[in-house]
Amino acid sequence: MAAPVVNADECTACGACVDACPSGVLELGDVATVANPDECVECGACVEECPVSAITL
């Protein structure tokens, strides 16, 4: 696995991934972005929580 990748065309900026991330690597603006990819623990919580499947690892 690797750091999350957010598909900006699919992201609805709901914030579910930001809330689910135990490492705080995601930030929310117009869409979710990966602010600190080196701190990602590759747990997949953001992928599981995204209701539109806009995140992959």
PDB file of N, CA and C in Angstrom:
ATOM      1  N   MET A   1       0.833  -1.182   0.000  1.00  0.00           N
ATOM      2  CA  MET A   1       0.000   0.000   0.000  1.00  0.00           C
ATOM      3  C   MET A   1       0.877   1.244   0.000  1.00  0.00           C
ATOM      4  N   ALA A   2       0.231   2.366  -0.228  1.00  0.00           N
ATOM      5  CA  ALA A   2       0.937   3.641  -0.254  1.00  0.00           C
ATOM      6  C   ALA A   2       0.018   4.712   0.317  1.00  0.00           C
ATOM      7  N   ALA A   3       0.478   5.946   0.268  1.00  0.00           N
ATOM      8  CA  ALA A   3      -0.335   7.070   0.747  1.00  0.00           C
ATOM      9  C   ALA A   3      -1.595   7.183  -0.113  1.00  0.00           C
ATOM     10  N   PRO A   4      -2.662   7.716   0.447  1.00  0.00           N
ATOM     11  CA  PRO A   4      -3.910   7.829  -0.304  1.00  0.00           C
ATOM     12  C   PRO A   4      -3.802   8.793  -1.483  1.00  0.00           C
ATOM     13  N   VAL A   5      -4.590   8.494  -2.500  1.00  0.00           N
ATOM     14  CA  VAL A   5      -4.716   9.363  -3.671  1.00  0.00           C
ATOM     15  C   VAL A   5      -6.192   9.713  -3.786  1.00  0.00           C
ATOM     16  N   VAL A   6      -6.484  11.000  -3.837  1.00  0.00           N
ATOM     17  CA  VAL A   6      -7.867  11.468  -3.929  1.00  0.00           C
ATOM     18  C   VAL A   6      -8.177  11.858  -5.357  1.00  0.00           C
ATOM     19  N   ASN A   7      -9.239  11.282  -5.910  1.00  0.00           N
ATOM     20  CA  ASN A   7      -9.712  11.650  -7.235  1.00  0.00           C
ATOM     21  C   ASN A   7     -10.586  12.899  -7.055  1.00  0.00           C
ATOM     22  N   ALA A   8     -10.045  14.047  -7.396  1.00  0.00           N
ATOM     23  CA  ALA A   8     -10.736  15.323  -7.174  1.00  0.00           C
ATOM     24  C   ALA A   8     -12.033  15.429  -7.963  1.00  0.00           C
ATOM     25  N   ASP A   9     -12.125  14.733  -9.077  1.00  0.00           N
ATOM     26  CA  ASP A   9     -13.358  14.775  -9.869  1.00  0.00           C
ATOM     27  C   ASP A   9     -14.500  14.026  -9.183  1.00  0.00           C
ATOM     28  N   GLU A  10     -14.153  13.063  -8.336  1.00  0.00           N
ATOM     29  CA  GLU A  10     -15.164  12.265  -7.644  1.00  0.00           C
ATOM     30  C   GLU A  10     -15.454  12.762  -6.229  1.00  0.00           C
ATOM     31  N   CYS A  11     -14.484  13.426  -5.605  1.00  0.00           N
ATOM     32  CA  CYS A  11     -14.615  13.858  -4.213  1.00  0.00           C
ATOM     33  C   CYS A  11     -15.734  14.888  -4.054  1.00  0.00           C
ATOM     34  N   THR A  12     -16.571  14.677  -3.031  1.00  0.00           N
ATOM     35  CA  THR A  12     -17.669  15.604  -2.744  1.00  0.00           C
ATOM     36  C   THR A  12     -17.374  16.494  -1.534  1.00  0.00           C
ATOM     37  N   ALA A  13     -16.169  16.387  -0.982  1.00  0.00           N
ATOM     38  CA  ALA A  13     -15.734  17.187   0.168  1.00  0.00           C
ATOM     39  C   ALA A  13     -16.650  17.002   1.374  1.00  0.00           C
ATOM     40  N   CYS A  14     -17.056  15.765   1.611  1.00  0.00           N
ATOM     41  CA  CYS A  14     -17.935  15.490   2.747  1.00  0.00           C
ATOM     42  C   CYS A  14     -17.182  15.472   4.075  1.00  0.00           C
ATOM     43  N   GLY A  15     -15.874  15.188   4.030  1.00  0.00           N
ATOM     44  CA  GLY A  15     -15.064  15.189   5.231  1.00  0.00           C
ATOM     45  C   GLY A  15     -14.982  13.858   5.961  1.00  0.00           C
ATOM     46  N   ALA A  16     -15.635  12.827   5.470  1.00  0.00           N
ATOM     47  CA  ALA A  16     -15.610  11.528   6.151  1.00  0.00           C
ATOM     48  C   ALA A  16     -14.197  10.980   6.260  1.00  0.00           C
ATOM     49  N   CYS A  17     -13.402  11.144   5.226  1.00  0.00           N
ATOM     50  CA  CYS A  17     -12.026  10.637   5.236  1.00  0.00           C
ATOM     51  C   CYS A  17     -11.159  11.388   6.234  1.00  0.00           C
ATOM     52  N   VAL A  18     -11.351  12.682   6.316  1.00  0.00           N
ATOM     53  CA  VAL A  18     -10.580  13.507   7.255  1.00  0.00           C
ATOM     54  C   VAL A  18     -10.881  13.066   8.685  1.00  0.00           C
ATOM     55  N   ASP A  19     -12.152  12.839   8.976  1.00  0.00           N
ATOM     56  CA  ASP A  19     -12.546  12.402  10.316  1.00  0.00           C
ATOM     57  C   ASP A  19     -12.034  11.002  10.631  1.00  0.00           C
ATOM     58  N   ALA A  20     -11.936  10.138   9.625  1.00  0.00           N
ATOM     59  CA  ALA A  20     -11.537   8.745   9.835  1.00  0.00           C
ATOM     60  C   ALA A  20     -10.033   8.552   9.945  1.00  0.00           C
ATOM     61  N   CYS A  21      -9.253   9.487   9.444  1.00  0.00           N
ATOM     62  CA  CYS A  21      -7.804   9.306   9.381  1.00  0.00           C
ATOM     63  C   CYS A  21      -7.153   9.455  10.756  1.00  0.00           C
ATOM     64  N   PRO A  22      -6.523   8.368  11.257  1.00  0.00           N
ATOM     65  CA  PRO A  22      -5.885   8.455  12.573  1.00  0.00           C
ATOM     66  C   PRO A  22      -4.569   9.235  12.557  1.00  0.00           C
ATOM     67  N   SER A  23      -4.010   9.451  11.386  1.00  0.00           N
ATOM     68  CA  SER A  23      -2.724  10.156  11.285  1.00  0.00           C
ATOM     69  C   SER A  23      -2.854  11.617  10.910  1.00  0.00           C
ATOM     70  N   GLY A  24      -4.042  12.038  10.542  1.00  0.00           N
ATOM     71  CA  GLY A  24      -4.257  13.431  10.176  1.00  0.00           C
ATOM     72  C   GLY A  24      -3.563  13.864   8.905  1.00  0.00           C
ATOM     73  N   VAL A  25      -3.419  12.960   7.948  1.00  0.00           N
ATOM     74  CA  VAL A  25      -2.710  13.314   6.716  1.00  0.00           C
ATOM     75  C   VAL A  25      -3.605  13.987   5.683  1.00  0.00           C
ATOM     76  N   LEU A  26      -4.913  13.926   5.882  1.00  0.00           N
ATOM     77  CA  LEU A  26      -5.848  14.516   4.927  1.00  0.00           C
ATOM     78  C   LEU A  26      -6.351  15.866   5.422  1.00  0.00           C
ATOM     79  N   GLU A  27      -6.526  16.787   4.492  1.00  0.00           N
ATOM     80  CA  GLU A  27      -7.111  18.092   4.792  1.00  0.00           C
ATOM     81  C   GLU A  27      -8.295  18.311   3.866  1.00  0.00           C
ATOM     82  N   LEU A  28      -9.232  19.115   4.300  1.00  0.00           N
ATOM     83  CA  LEU A  28     -10.430  19.364   3.515  1.00  0.00           C
ATOM     84  C   LEU A  28     -10.492  20.813   3.056  1.00  0.00           C
ATOM     85  N   GLY A  29     -10.656  20.989   1.785  1.00  0.00           N
ATOM     86  CA  GLY A  29     -10.882  22.295   1.180  1.00  0.00           C
ATOM     87  C   GLY A  29     -12.049  22.126   0.237  1.00  0.00           C
ATOM     88  N   ASP A  30     -11.875  22.543  -1.004  1.00  0.00           N
ATOM     89  CA  ASP A  30     -12.908  22.292  -2.016  1.00  0.00           C
ATOM     90  C   ASP A  30     -13.058  20.788  -2.241  1.00  0.00           C
ATOM     91  N   VAL A  31     -11.952  20.065  -2.065  1.00  0.00           N
ATOM     92  CA  VAL A  31     -11.914  18.600  -2.087  1.00  0.00           C
ATOM     93  C   VAL A  31     -10.920  18.161  -1.015  1.00  0.00           C
ATOM     94  N   ALA A  32     -10.913  16.884  -0.705  1.00  0.00           N
ATOM     95  CA  ALA A  32      -9.919  16.368   0.240  1.00  0.00           C
ATOM     96  C   ALA A  32      -8.565  16.328  -0.451  1.00  0.00           C
ATOM     97  N   THR A  33      -7.528  16.659   0.289  1.00  0.00           N
ATOM     98  CA  THR A  33      -6.170  16.599  -0.240  1.00  0.00           C
ATOM     99  C   THR A  33      -5.271  15.875   0.760  1.00  0.00           C
ATOM    100  N   VAL A  34      -4.200  15.299   0.245  1.00  0.00           N
ATOM    101  CA  VAL A  34      -3.238  14.605   1.088  1.00  0.00           C
ATOM    102  C   VAL A  34      -2.154  15.612   1.446  1.00  0.00           C
ATOM    103  N   ALA A  35      -2.194  16.095   2.671  1.00  0.00           N
ATOM    104  CA  ALA A  35      -1.287  17.158   3.097  1.00  0.00           C
ATOM    105  C   ALA A  35       0.061  16.621   3.575  1.00  0.00           C
ATOM    106  N   ASN A  36       0.058  15.454   4.198  1.00  0.00           N
ATOM    107  CA  ASN A  36       1.284  14.894   4.773  1.00  0.00           C
ATOM    108  C   ASN A  36       1.438  13.427   4.385  1.00  0.00           C
ATOM    109  N   PRO A  37       1.697  13.130   3.143  1.00  0.00           N
ATOM    110  CA  PRO A  37       1.734  11.721   2.711  1.00  0.00           C
ATOM    111  C   PRO A  37       2.779  10.877   3.431  1.00  0.00           C
ATOM    112  N   ASP A  38       3.862  11.467   3.878  1.00  0.00           N
ATOM    113  CA  ASP A  38       4.907  10.709   4.560  1.00  0.00           C
ATOM    114  C   ASP A  38       4.474  10.229   5.952  1.00  0.00           C
ATOM    115  N   GLU A  39       3.427  10.827   6.490  1.00  0.00           N
ATOM    116  CA  GLU A  39       2.947  10.441   7.809  1.00  0.00           C
ATOM    117  C   GLU A  39       1.808   9.424   7.755  1.00  0.00           C
ATOM    118  N   CYS A  40       1.409   9.026   6.555  1.00  0.00           N
ATOM    119  CA  CYS A  40       0.327   8.049   6.377  1.00  0.00           C
ATOM    120  C   CYS A  40       0.768   6.691   6.913  1.00  0.00           C
ATOM    121  N   VAL A  41      -0.109   6.036   7.689  1.00  0.00           N
ATOM    122  CA  VAL A  41       0.187   4.707   8.233  1.00  0.00           C
ATOM    123  C   VAL A  41      -0.428   3.602   7.372  1.00  0.00           C
ATOM    124  N   GLU A  42      -0.998   3.979   6.234  1.00  0.00           N
ATOM    125  CA  GLU A  42      -1.539   3.042   5.240  1.00  0.00           C
ATOM    126  C   GLU A  42      -2.579   2.092   5.832  1.00  0.00           C
ATOM    127  N   CYS A  43      -3.446   2.612   6.686  1.00  0.00           N
ATOM    128  CA  CYS A  43      -4.451   1.774   7.341  1.00  0.00           C
ATOM    129  C   CYS A  43      -5.689   1.537   6.474  1.00  0.00           C
ATOM    130  N   GLY A  44      -5.953   2.425   5.530  1.00  0.00           N
ATOM    131  CA  GLY A  44      -7.108   2.276   4.654  1.00  0.00           C
ATOM    132  C   GLY A  44      -8.409   2.827   5.208  1.00  0.00           C
ATOM    133  N   ALA A  45      -8.366   3.465   6.362  1.00  0.00           N
ATOM    134  CA  ALA A  45      -9.594   3.999   6.964  1.00  0.00           C
ATOM    135  C   ALA A  45     -10.274   5.018   6.054  1.00  0.00           C
ATOM    136  N   CYS A  46      -9.489   5.842   5.398  1.00  0.00           N
ATOM    137  CA  CYS A  46     -10.065   6.859   4.506  1.00  0.00           C
ATOM    138  C   CYS A  46     -10.770   6.212   3.313  1.00  0.00           C
ATOM    139  N   VAL A  47     -10.178   5.149   2.790  1.00  0.00           N
ATOM    140  CA  VAL A  47     -10.771   4.439   1.649  1.00  0.00           C
ATOM    141  C   VAL A  47     -12.106   3.833   2.054  1.00  0.00           C
ATOM    142  N   GLU A  48     -12.136   3.204   3.229  1.00  0.00           N
ATOM    143  CA  GLU A  48     -13.358   2.564   3.723  1.00  0.00           C
ATOM    144  C   GLU A  48     -14.471   3.571   4.005  1.00  0.00           C
ATOM    145  N   GLU A  49     -14.124   4.756   4.498  1.00  0.00           N
ATOM    146  CA  GLU A  49     -15.122   5.748   4.889  1.00  0.00           C
ATOM    147  C   GLU A  49     -15.656   6.584   3.730  1.00  0.00           C
ATOM    148  N   CYS A  50     -14.931   6.660   2.625  1.00  0.00           N
ATOM    149  CA  CYS A  50     -15.364   7.514   1.515  1.00  0.00           C
ATOM    150  C   CYS A  50     -16.640   6.964   0.876  1.00  0.00           C
ATOM    151  N   PRO A  51     -17.729   7.718   0.938  1.00  0.00           N
ATOM    152  CA  PRO A  51     -19.007   7.213   0.401  1.00  0.00           C
ATOM    153  C   PRO A  51     -19.073   7.194  -1.128  1.00  0.00           C
ATOM    154  N   VAL A  52     -18.151   7.859  -1.803  1.00  0.00           N
ATOM    155  CA  VAL A  52     -18.181   7.890  -3.274  1.00  0.00           C
ATOM    156  C   VAL A  52     -16.961   7.199  -3.891  1.00  0.00           C
ATOM    157  N   SER A  53     -16.200   6.493  -3.082  1.00  0.00           N
ATOM    158  CA  SER A  53     -15.028   5.740  -3.533  1.00  0.00           C
ATOM    159  C   SER A  53     -14.034   6.622  -4.318  1.00  0.00           C
ATOM    160  N   ALA A  54     -13.777   7.808  -3.802  1.00  0.00           N
ATOM    161  CA  ALA A  54     -12.881   8.750  -4.472  1.00  0.00           C
ATOM    162  C   ALA A  54     -11.434   8.603  -4.017  1.00  0.00           C
ATOM    163  N   ILE A  55     -11.150   7.672  -3.103  1.00  0.00           N
ATOM    164  CA  ILE A  55      -9.800   7.522  -2.556  1.00  0.00           C
ATOM    165  C   ILE A  55      -9.281   6.122  -2.801  1.00  0.00           C
ATOM    166  N   THR A  56      -8.040   6.046  -3.222  1.00  0.00           N
ATOM    167  CA  THR A  56      -7.350   4.767  -3.369  1.00  0.00           C
ATOM    168  C   THR A  56      -6.011   4.860  -2.651  1.00  0.00           C
ATOM    169  N   LEU A  57      -5.441   3.718  -2.320  1.00  0.00           N
ATOM    170  CA  LEU A  57      -4.123   3.676  -1.709  1.00  0.00           C
ATOM    171  C   LEU A  57      -3.125   3.157  -2.727  1.00  0.00           C
TER     172      LEU A  57
END
